[in-house]
């Protein structure tokens, strides 16, 4: 992906956005990839080098990554919690994966944290965000497939 900088964002922020180390692991598709409309997913994969976004549009992703890093660090080596656990399963010959934010082993609670705007939260309260529900349901299925 190519980035523009229409709002003169500082270089440190640009580098942080460009330093996205997300990986779907050793799988054909991740849960988030599966939840995208198929045409968007296929076109995004085939034209990844041609896609352009402004750095300012990626700030929420950067903030989300920072929160996940803090939570992962805080729960490192805690035996009652699995943090940022990537799980795999095979479906119709396709290896898929998903990475949960947290699984509490004490009460079998799967968690997925979102960093978003107040506007998104208000809309989600009015109209349940179906993609968030679908994502958690897929993670729950993956957790079951991996004996959690």
C-alpha atoms as a PDB file:
ATOM      1  CA  UNK A   1       0.000   0.000   0.000  1.00  0.00           C
ATOM      2  CA  UNK A   2       1.134   3.512  -0.786  1.00  0.00           C
ATOM      3  CA  UNK A   3       0.514   6.365   1.630  1.00  0.00           C
ATOM      4  CA  UNK A   4      -0.186  10.027   1.117  1.00  0.00           C
ATOM      5  CA  UNK A   5       0.219  12.713   3.772  1.00  0.00           C
ATOM      6  CA  UNK A   6      -2.415  15.357   3.035  1.00  0.00           C
ATOM      7  CA  UNK A   7      -2.390  16.700   6.601  1.00  0.00           C
ATOM      8  CA  UNK A   8       1.376  16.972   7.144  1.00  0.00           C
ATOM      9  CA  UNK A   9       1.502  14.221   9.783  1.00  0.00           C
ATOM     10  CA  UNK A  10       4.956  14.038  11.484  1.00  0.00           C
ATOM     11  CA  UNK A  11       7.470  11.528  10.169  1.00  0.00           C
ATOM     12  CA  UNK A  12       7.459   9.490  13.422  1.00  0.00           C
ATOM     13  CA  UNK A  13       3.731   8.801  12.996  1.00  0.00           C
ATOM     14  CA  UNK A  14       4.203   7.955   9.315  1.00  0.00           C
ATOM     15  CA  UNK A  15       6.922   5.453  10.198  1.00  0.00           C
ATOM     16  CA  UNK A  16       4.731   3.926  12.901  1.00  0.00           C
ATOM     17  CA  UNK A  17       1.858   3.456  10.440  1.00  0.00           C
ATOM     18  CA  UNK A  18       4.193   1.989   7.829  1.00  0.00           C
ATOM     19  CA  UNK A  19       5.642  -0.387  10.446  1.00  0.00           C
ATOM     20  CA  UNK A  20       2.474  -2.500  10.605  1.00  0.00           C
ATOM     21  CA  UNK A  21       3.619  -6.067  11.302  1.00  0.00           C
ATOM     22  CA  UNK A  22       0.184  -7.699  11.035  1.00  0.00           C
ATOM     23  CA  UNK A  23       0.309 -11.250   9.738  1.00  0.00           C
ATOM     24  CA  UNK A  24      -2.417 -13.798   9.097  1.00  0.00           C
ATOM     25  CA  UNK A  25       0.162 -16.404  10.045  1.00  0.00           C
ATOM     26  CA  UNK A  26       0.461 -19.591   8.024  1.00  0.00           C
ATOM     27  CA  UNK A  27      -3.065 -19.446   6.622  1.00  0.00           C
ATOM     28  CA  UNK A  28      -4.810 -18.688   3.361  1.00  0.00           C
ATOM     29  CA  UNK A  29      -7.274 -16.271   5.010  1.00  0.00           C
ATOM     30  CA  UNK A  30      -7.764 -14.681   8.380  1.00  0.00           C
ATOM     31  CA  UNK A  31     -11.156 -14.252  10.007  1.00  0.00           C
ATOM     32  CA  UNK A  32     -11.111 -10.519   9.276  1.00  0.00           C
ATOM     33  CA  UNK A  33     -10.266 -11.303   5.652  1.00  0.00           C
ATOM     34  CA  UNK A  34     -13.117 -13.799   5.443  1.00  0.00           C
ATOM     35  CA  UNK A  35     -15.561 -11.229   6.763  1.00  0.00           C
ATOM     36  CA  UNK A  36     -14.760  -8.777   3.959  1.00  0.00           C
ATOM     37  CA  UNK A  37     -16.935  -8.870   0.861  1.00  0.00           C
ATOM     38  CA  UNK A  38     -15.242 -11.379  -1.506  1.00  0.00           C
ATOM     39  CA  UNK A  39     -14.787  -8.929  -4.373  1.00  0.00           C
ATOM     40  CA  UNK A  40     -13.068  -6.379  -2.125  1.00  0.00           C
ATOM     41  CA  UNK A  41     -10.866  -9.073  -0.599  1.00  0.00           C
ATOM     42  CA  UNK A  42      -9.750 -10.478  -3.967  1.00  0.00           C
ATOM     43  CA  UNK A  43      -9.172  -7.072  -5.555  1.00  0.00           C
ATOM     44  CA  UNK A  44      -7.241  -5.865  -2.483  1.00  0.00           C
ATOM     45  CA  UNK A  45      -4.927  -8.890  -2.658  1.00  0.00           C
ATOM     46  CA  UNK A  46      -4.322  -8.595  -6.394  1.00  0.00           C
ATOM     47  CA  UNK A  47      -3.790  -4.830  -6.359  1.00  0.00           C
ATOM     48  CA  UNK A  48      -2.134  -4.299  -2.952  1.00  0.00           C
ATOM     49  CA  UNK A  49       0.766  -2.333  -4.453  1.00  0.00           C
ATOM     50  CA  UNK A  50      -1.626   0.022  -6.250  1.00  0.00           C
ATOM     51  CA  UNK A  51      -3.802   0.878  -3.235  1.00  0.00           C
ATOM     52  CA  UNK A  52      -3.408   4.312  -1.672  1.00  0.00           C
ATOM     53  CA  UNK A  53      -4.525   5.642   1.704  1.00  0.00           C
ATOM     54  CA  UNK A  54      -3.766   8.798   3.596  1.00  0.00           C
ATOM     55  CA  UNK A  55      -1.766   8.423   6.803  1.00  0.00           C
ATOM     56  CA  UNK A  56      -4.537  10.257   8.675  1.00  0.00           C
ATOM     57  CA  UNK A  57      -6.943   7.432   7.750  1.00  0.00           C
ATOM     58  CA  UNK A  58      -4.688   4.894   9.486  1.00  0.00           C
ATOM     59  CA  UNK A  59      -4.437   6.585  12.895  1.00  0.00           C
ATOM     60  CA  UNK A  60      -7.199   4.432  14.467  1.00  0.00           C
ATOM     61  CA  UNK A  61      -5.356   1.302  13.358  1.00  0.00           C
ATOM     62  CA  UNK A  62      -2.146   2.624  14.915  1.00  0.00           C
ATOM     63  CA  UNK A  63      -3.936   3.433  18.181  1.00  0.00           C
ATOM     64  CA  UNK A  64      -5.537  -0.013  18.193  1.00  0.00           C
ATOM     65  CA  UNK A  65      -2.145  -1.654  17.741  1.00  0.00           C
ATOM     66  CA  UNK A  66      -0.744   0.316  20.658  1.00  0.00           C
ATOM     67  CA  UNK A  67      -3.582  -0.755  22.966  1.00  0.00           C
ATOM     68  CA  UNK A  68      -3.136  -4.381  21.914  1.00  0.00           C
ATOM     69  CA  UNK A  69       0.607  -4.182  22.575  1.00  0.00           C
ATOM     70  CA  UNK A  70      -0.011  -2.759  26.057  1.00  0.00           C
ATOM     71  CA  UNK A  71      -2.573  -5.471  26.872  1.00  0.00           C
ATOM     72  CA  UNK A  72      -0.284  -8.189  25.538  1.00  0.00           C
ATOM     73  CA  UNK A  73       2.627  -6.889  27.603  1.00  0.00           C
ATOM     74  CA  UNK A  74       0.470  -6.654  30.734  1.00  0.00           C
ATOM     75  CA  UNK A  75      -0.710 -10.255  30.396  1.00  0.00           C
ATOM     76  CA  UNK A  76       2.569 -11.800  29.322  1.00  0.00           C
ATOM     77  CA  UNK A  77       3.372 -14.978  31.276  1.00  0.00           C
ATOM     78  CA  UNK A  78      -0.003 -14.949  33.073  1.00  0.00           C
ATOM     79  CA  UNK A  79      -1.284 -18.514  33.254  1.00  0.00           C
ATOM     80  CA  UNK A  80      -4.961 -17.538  33.513  1.00  0.00           C
ATOM     81  CA  UNK A  81      -5.035 -15.618  30.217  1.00  0.00           C
ATOM     82  CA  UNK A  82      -4.087 -16.294  26.626  1.00  0.00           C
ATOM     83  CA  UNK A  83      -3.252 -13.022  24.905  1.00  0.00           C
ATOM     84  CA  UNK A  84      -2.985 -12.443  21.151  1.00  0.00           C
ATOM     85  CA  UNK A  85      -3.330 -16.166  20.499  1.00  0.00           C
ATOM     86  CA  UNK A  86      -3.431 -17.063  16.794  1.00  0.00           C
ATOM     87  CA  UNK A  87      -5.516 -20.158  16.165  1.00  0.00           C
ATOM     88  CA  UNK A  88      -5.886 -22.228  13.007  1.00  0.00           C
ATOM     89  CA  UNK A  89      -8.461 -24.560  11.499  1.00  0.00           C
ATOM     90  CA  UNK A  90      -9.079 -26.144   8.124  1.00  0.00           C
ATOM     91  CA  UNK A  91     -12.357 -25.534   6.323  1.00  0.00           C
ATOM     92  CA  UNK A  92     -13.040 -27.175   2.951  1.00  0.00           C
ATOM     93  CA  UNK A  93      -9.299 -27.536   2.345  1.00  0.00           C
ATOM     94  CA  UNK A  94      -8.530 -23.910   3.292  1.00  0.00           C
ATOM     95  CA  UNK A  95      -6.361 -23.154   6.309  1.00  0.00           C
ATOM     96  CA  UNK A  96      -7.872 -20.164   8.105  1.00  0.00           C
ATOM     97  CA  UNK A  97      -6.712 -18.301  11.187  1.00  0.00           C
ATOM     98  CA  UNK A  98      -7.827 -15.777  13.722  1.00  0.00           C
ATOM     99  CA  UNK A  99      -6.070 -13.993  16.531  1.00  0.00           C
ATOM    100  CA  UNK A 100      -8.045 -13.239  19.648  1.00  0.00           C
ATOM    101  CA  UNK A 101      -7.108 -10.352  21.881  1.00  0.00           C
ATOM    102  CA  UNK A 102      -7.644 -12.334  25.040  1.00  0.00           C
ATOM    103  CA  UNK A 103      -9.081 -15.610  26.301  1.00  0.00           C
ATOM    104  CA  UNK A 104      -9.694 -15.828  30.026  1.00  0.00           C
ATOM    105  CA  UNK A 105      -9.057 -19.465  30.926  1.00  0.00           C
ATOM    106  CA  UNK A 106     -10.609 -18.980  34.367  1.00  0.00           C
ATOM    107  CA  UNK A 107     -14.094 -18.216  33.029  1.00  0.00           C
ATOM    108  CA  UNK A 108     -13.785 -19.205  29.338  1.00  0.00           C
ATOM    109  CA  UNK A 109     -14.367 -15.656  28.119  1.00  0.00           C
ATOM    110  CA  UNK A 110     -13.109 -14.619  24.714  1.00  0.00           C
ATOM    111  CA  UNK A 111     -12.450 -10.892  24.267  1.00  0.00           C
ATOM    112  CA  UNK A 112     -11.807  -8.675  21.268  1.00  0.00           C
ATOM    113  CA  UNK A 113     -11.050  -5.045  22.046  1.00  0.00           C
ATOM    114  CA  UNK A 114     -11.862  -2.221  19.660  1.00  0.00           C
ATOM    115  CA  UNK A 115     -10.284   1.219  19.513  1.00  0.00           C
ATOM    116  CA  UNK A 116     -12.644   3.441  17.609  1.00  0.00           C
ATOM    117  CA  UNK A 117     -14.372   6.788  17.561  1.00  0.00           C
ATOM    118  CA  UNK A 118     -17.275   7.809  19.795  1.00  0.00           C
ATOM    119  CA  UNK A 119     -19.348   8.057  16.607  1.00  0.00           C
ATOM    120  CA  UNK A 120     -18.774   4.364  15.834  1.00  0.00           C
ATOM    121  CA  UNK A 121     -19.626   3.367  19.406  1.00  0.00           C
ATOM    122  CA  UNK A 122     -22.864   5.379  19.372  1.00  0.00           C
ATOM    123  CA  UNK A 123     -23.885   3.797  16.070  1.00  0.00           C
ATOM    124  CA  UNK A 124     -22.929   0.350  17.354  1.00  0.00           C
ATOM    125  CA  UNK A 125     -25.171   0.848  20.387  1.00  0.00           C
ATOM    126  CA  UNK A 126     -28.090   1.791  18.137  1.00  0.00           C
ATOM    127  CA  UNK A 127     -27.467  -0.842  15.477  1.00  0.00           C
ATOM    128  CA  UNK A 128     -25.382  -3.774  16.579  1.00  0.00           C
ATOM    129  CA  UNK A 129     -22.177  -3.919  14.520  1.00  0.00           C
ATOM    130  CA  UNK A 130     -22.765  -7.215  12.727  1.00  0.00           C
ATOM    131  CA  UNK A 131     -19.145  -7.565  11.632  1.00  0.00           C
ATOM    132  CA  UNK A 132     -18.041  -7.403  15.292  1.00  0.00           C
ATOM    133  CA  UNK A 133     -20.563 -10.100  16.226  1.00  0.00           C
ATOM    134  CA  UNK A 134     -19.501 -12.249  13.265  1.00  0.00           C
ATOM    135  CA  UNK A 135     -15.832 -11.812  14.146  1.00  0.00           C
ATOM    136  CA  UNK A 136     -16.351 -12.939  17.751  1.00  0.00           C
ATOM    137  CA  UNK A 137     -18.497 -15.887  16.663  1.00  0.00           C
ATOM    138  CA  UNK A 138     -15.752 -17.004  14.262  1.00  0.00           C
ATOM    139  CA  UNK A 139     -13.134 -16.629  17.009  1.00  0.00           C
ATOM    140  CA  UNK A 140     -15.332 -18.685  19.344  1.00  0.00           C
ATOM    141  CA  UNK A 141     -15.569 -21.413  16.686  1.00  0.00           C
ATOM    142  CA  UNK A 142     -11.773 -21.320  16.196  1.00  0.00           C
ATOM    143  CA  UNK A 143     -11.237 -21.501  19.959  1.00  0.00           C
ATOM    144  CA  UNK A 144     -13.468 -24.577  20.093  1.00  0.00           C
ATOM    145  CA  UNK A 145     -11.557 -26.157  17.179  1.00  0.00           C
ATOM    146  CA  UNK A 146      -8.333 -25.557  19.135  1.00  0.00           C
ATOM    147  CA  UNK A 147      -9.695 -27.060  22.388  1.00  0.00           C
ATOM    148  CA  UNK A 148     -10.050 -23.781  24.305  1.00  0.00           C
END
